[in-house]
C-alpha atoms as a PDB file:
ATOM      1  CA  MET A   1     148.248-131.365 -44.332  1.00  0.00           C
ATOM      2  CA  ILE A   2     148.948-130.210 -47.371  1.00  0.00           C
ATOM      3  CA  LEU A   3     148.513-133.496 -50.171  1.00  0.00           C
ATOM      4  CA  SER A   4     148.331-133.262 -54.090  1.00  0.00           C
ATOM      5  CA  LEU A   5     146.412-135.302 -56.156  1.00  0.00           C
ATOM      6  CA  ASP A   6     148.703-137.549 -57.385  1.00  0.00           C
ATOM      7  CA  VAL A   7     149.557-138.331 -53.319  1.00  0.00           C
ATOM      8  CA  ILE A   8     145.865-138.974 -53.180  1.00  0.00           C
ATOM      9  CA  ARG A   9     145.625-140.925 -56.668  1.00  0.00           C
ATOM     10  CA  ASN A  10     147.878-143.455 -55.093  1.00  0.00           C
ATOM     11  CA  LEU A  11     146.801-143.306 -52.422  1.00  0.00           C
ATOM     12  CA  GLY A  12     143.339-144.759 -53.887  1.00  0.00           C
ATOM     13  CA  GLY A  13     141.545-141.754 -53.856  1.00  0.00           C
ATOM     14  CA  VAL A  14     139.943-140.180 -51.194  1.00  0.00           C
ATOM     15  CA  GLN A  15     136.826-139.974 -48.458  1.00  0.00           C
ATOM     16  CA  VAL A  16     136.235-137.368 -46.170  1.00  0.00           C
ATOM     17  CA  ASN A  17     133.959-138.172 -43.377  1.00  0.00           C
ATOM     18  CA  ASN A  18     133.037-135.469 -40.183  1.00  0.00           C
ATOM     19  CA  ASP A  19     135.069-137.041 -38.141  1.00  0.00           C
ATOM     20  CA  SER A  20     137.894-138.284 -40.911  1.00  0.00           C
ATOM     21  CA  VAL A  21     139.449-138.840 -43.229  1.00  0.00           C
ATOM     22  CA  SER A  22     140.216-142.587 -45.259  1.00  0.00           C
ATOM     23  CA  PHE A  23     142.415-143.280 -48.354  1.00  0.00           C
ATOM     24  CA  GLY A  24     142.195-146.249 -50.573  1.00  0.00           C
ATOM     25  CA  LEU A  25     140.569-148.301 -49.261  1.00  0.00           C
ATOM     26  CA  GLY A  26     140.874-147.882 -44.846  1.00  0.00           C
ATOM     27  CA  ALA A  27     144.218-148.960 -44.960  1.00  0.00           C
ATOM     28  CA  VAL A  28     145.072-145.151 -43.151  1.00  0.00           C
ATOM     29  CA  ALA A  29     142.825-143.603 -42.006  1.00  0.00           C
ATOM     30  CA  ILE A  30     143.926-140.545 -40.033  1.00  0.00           C
ATOM     31  CA  LYS A  31     141.007-139.552 -37.353  1.00  0.00           C
ATOM     32  CA  ASN A  32     139.525-136.221 -36.399  1.00  0.00           C
ATOM     33  CA  GLU A  33     141.049-135.750 -32.897  1.00  0.00           C
ATOM     34  CA  PRO A  34     141.304-132.333 -30.517  1.00  0.00           C
ATOM     35  CA  CYS A  35     145.501-131.587 -31.881  1.00  0.00           C
ATOM     36  CA  ASN A  36     148.494-130.296 -28.776  1.00  0.00           C
ATOM     37  CA  GLU A  37     151.670-129.566 -30.211  1.00  0.00           C
ATOM     38  CA  SER A  38     154.361-127.380 -28.737  1.00  0.00           C
ATOM     39  CA  ILE A  39     157.453-126.110 -30.021  1.00  0.00           C
ATOM     40  CA  THR A  40     159.699-125.974 -27.375  1.00  0.00           C
ATOM     41  CA  ASP A  41     162.981-123.045 -28.016  1.00  0.00           C
ATOM     42  CA  GLN A  42     165.700-121.380 -26.061  1.00  0.00           C
ATOM     43  CA  ASP A  43     164.357-118.372 -26.225  1.00  0.00           C
ATOM     44  CA  PHE A  44     160.710-118.672 -26.606  1.00  0.00           C
ATOM     45  CA  GLU A  45     157.586-121.525 -26.419  1.00  0.00           C
ATOM     46  CA  ALA A  46     154.779-122.809 -27.873  1.00  0.00           C
ATOM     47  CA  VAL A  47     151.676-124.262 -27.406  1.00  0.00           C
ATOM     48  CA  PHE A  48     148.376-124.531 -29.569  1.00  0.00           C
ATOM     49  CA  ASP A  49     146.103-126.147 -27.969  1.00  0.00           C
ATOM     50  CA  GLY A  50     143.573-127.309 -31.707  1.00  0.00           C
ATOM     51  CA  LYS A  51     142.602-123.401 -31.950  1.00  0.00           C
ATOM     52  CA  CYS A  52     145.231-120.440 -30.787  1.00  0.00           C
ATOM     53  CA  TRP A  53     148.654-120.629 -30.714  1.00  0.00           C
ATOM     54  CA  THR A  54     149.579-118.762 -27.009  1.00  0.00           C
ATOM     55  CA  VAL A  55     154.215-118.247 -26.631  1.00  0.00           C
ATOM     56  CA  LYS A  56     155.750-116.863 -23.676  1.00  0.00           C
ATOM     57  CA  TRP A  57     159.545-115.444 -24.924  1.00  0.00           C
ATOM     58  CA  ARG A  58     161.967-116.506 -22.354  1.00  0.00           C
ATOM     59  CA  TRP A  59     164.464-113.259 -21.679  1.00  0.00           C
ATOM     60  CA  LYS A  60     167.744-113.376 -20.271  1.00  0.00           C
ATOM     61  CA  ASP A  61     166.698-110.532 -17.665  1.00  0.00           C
ATOM     62  CA  GLU A  62     163.876-108.580 -17.072  1.00  0.00           C
ATOM     63  CA  VAL A  63     160.794-107.442 -20.222  1.00  0.00           C
ATOM     64  CA  PRO A  64     161.618-105.005 -22.183  1.00  0.00           C
ATOM     65  CA  ILE A  65     159.578-101.297 -21.877  1.00  0.00           C
ATOM     66  CA  LEU A  66     158.210-101.269 -26.058  1.00  0.00           C
ATOM     67  CA  LYS A  67     158.972 -97.341 -27.228  1.00  0.00           C
ATOM     68  CA  ASN A  68     156.877 -97.608 -30.272  1.00  0.00           C
ATOM     69  CA  ARG A  69     156.544 -93.934 -32.034  1.00  0.00           C
ATOM     70  CA  VAL A  70     153.774 -95.144 -34.046  1.00  0.00           C
ATOM     71  CA  ALA A  71     150.969 -97.193 -32.274  1.00  0.00           C
ATOM     72  CA  GLU A  72     148.829 -98.084 -35.366  1.00  0.00           C
ATOM     73  CA  TYR A  73     150.206 -97.675 -39.298  1.00  0.00           C
ATOM     74  CA  THR A  74     146.978 -95.635 -40.713  1.00  0.00           C
ATOM     75  CA  VAL A  75     144.532 -96.981 -42.246  1.00  0.00           C
ATOM     76  CA  LYS A  76     142.462 -95.114 -45.492  1.00  0.00           C
ATOM     77  CA  PRO A  77     138.807 -94.147 -43.873  1.00  0.00           C
ATOM     78  CA  HIS A  78     137.762 -95.510 -46.325  1.00  0.00           C
ATOM     79  CA  LEU A  79     139.063 -98.959 -46.388  1.00  0.00           C
ATOM     80  CA  ARG A  80     139.079 -98.276 -41.693  1.00  0.00           C
ATOM     81  CA  GLN A  81     135.967-100.558 -41.809  1.00  0.00           C
ATOM     82  CA  GLU A  82     136.573-102.980 -43.344  1.00  0.00           C
ATOM     83  CA  TYR A  83     140.048-103.041 -41.463  1.00  0.00           C
ATOM     84  CA  ASP A  84     138.118-103.035 -37.982  1.00  0.00           C
ATOM     85  CA  LEU A  85     135.898-105.936 -38.264  1.00  0.00           C
ATOM     86  CA  GLU A  86     138.952-107.999 -39.980  1.00  0.00           C
ATOM     87  CA  ILE A  87     140.956-107.268 -36.482  1.00  0.00           C
ATOM     88  CA  GLU A  88     137.840-107.667 -34.751  1.00  0.00           C
ATOM     89  CA  GLU A  89     137.370-111.197 -35.833  1.00  0.00           C
ATOM     90  CA  TRP A  90     140.886-112.522 -35.222  1.00  0.00           C
ATOM     91  CA  ILE A  91     140.784-111.250 -31.583  1.00  0.00           C
ATOM     92  CA  SER A  92     137.568-113.843 -31.378  1.00  0.00           C
ATOM     93  CA  GLY A  93     138.913-116.727 -33.353  1.00  0.00           C
ATOM     94  CA  CYS A  94     141.743-116.510 -30.396  1.00  0.00           C
ATOM     95  CA  VAL A  95     139.714-115.830 -27.753  1.00  0.00           C
ATOM     96  CA  LEU A  96     142.282-117.441 -24.649  1.00  0.00           C
END
């Protein structure tokens, strides 16, 4: 959630603790609880487990076979190590 400073000011300030966020004199409190969200559409279903999104596509027929001609875009040699580290971060952050 993103709140601008004027909203926080109108709510009477904000207090952030390890497991909660309180606004004003405690009239509004948000607890840090596990978040499970999902989106269902005619073409797909997406589920968020609090850490990662998992998407399952609903195909009309059989699952299509990709016929990409480029397996990976070219990365300049002097940026390759930084690129590989970023990809590893993405993968390790969303291990199922």
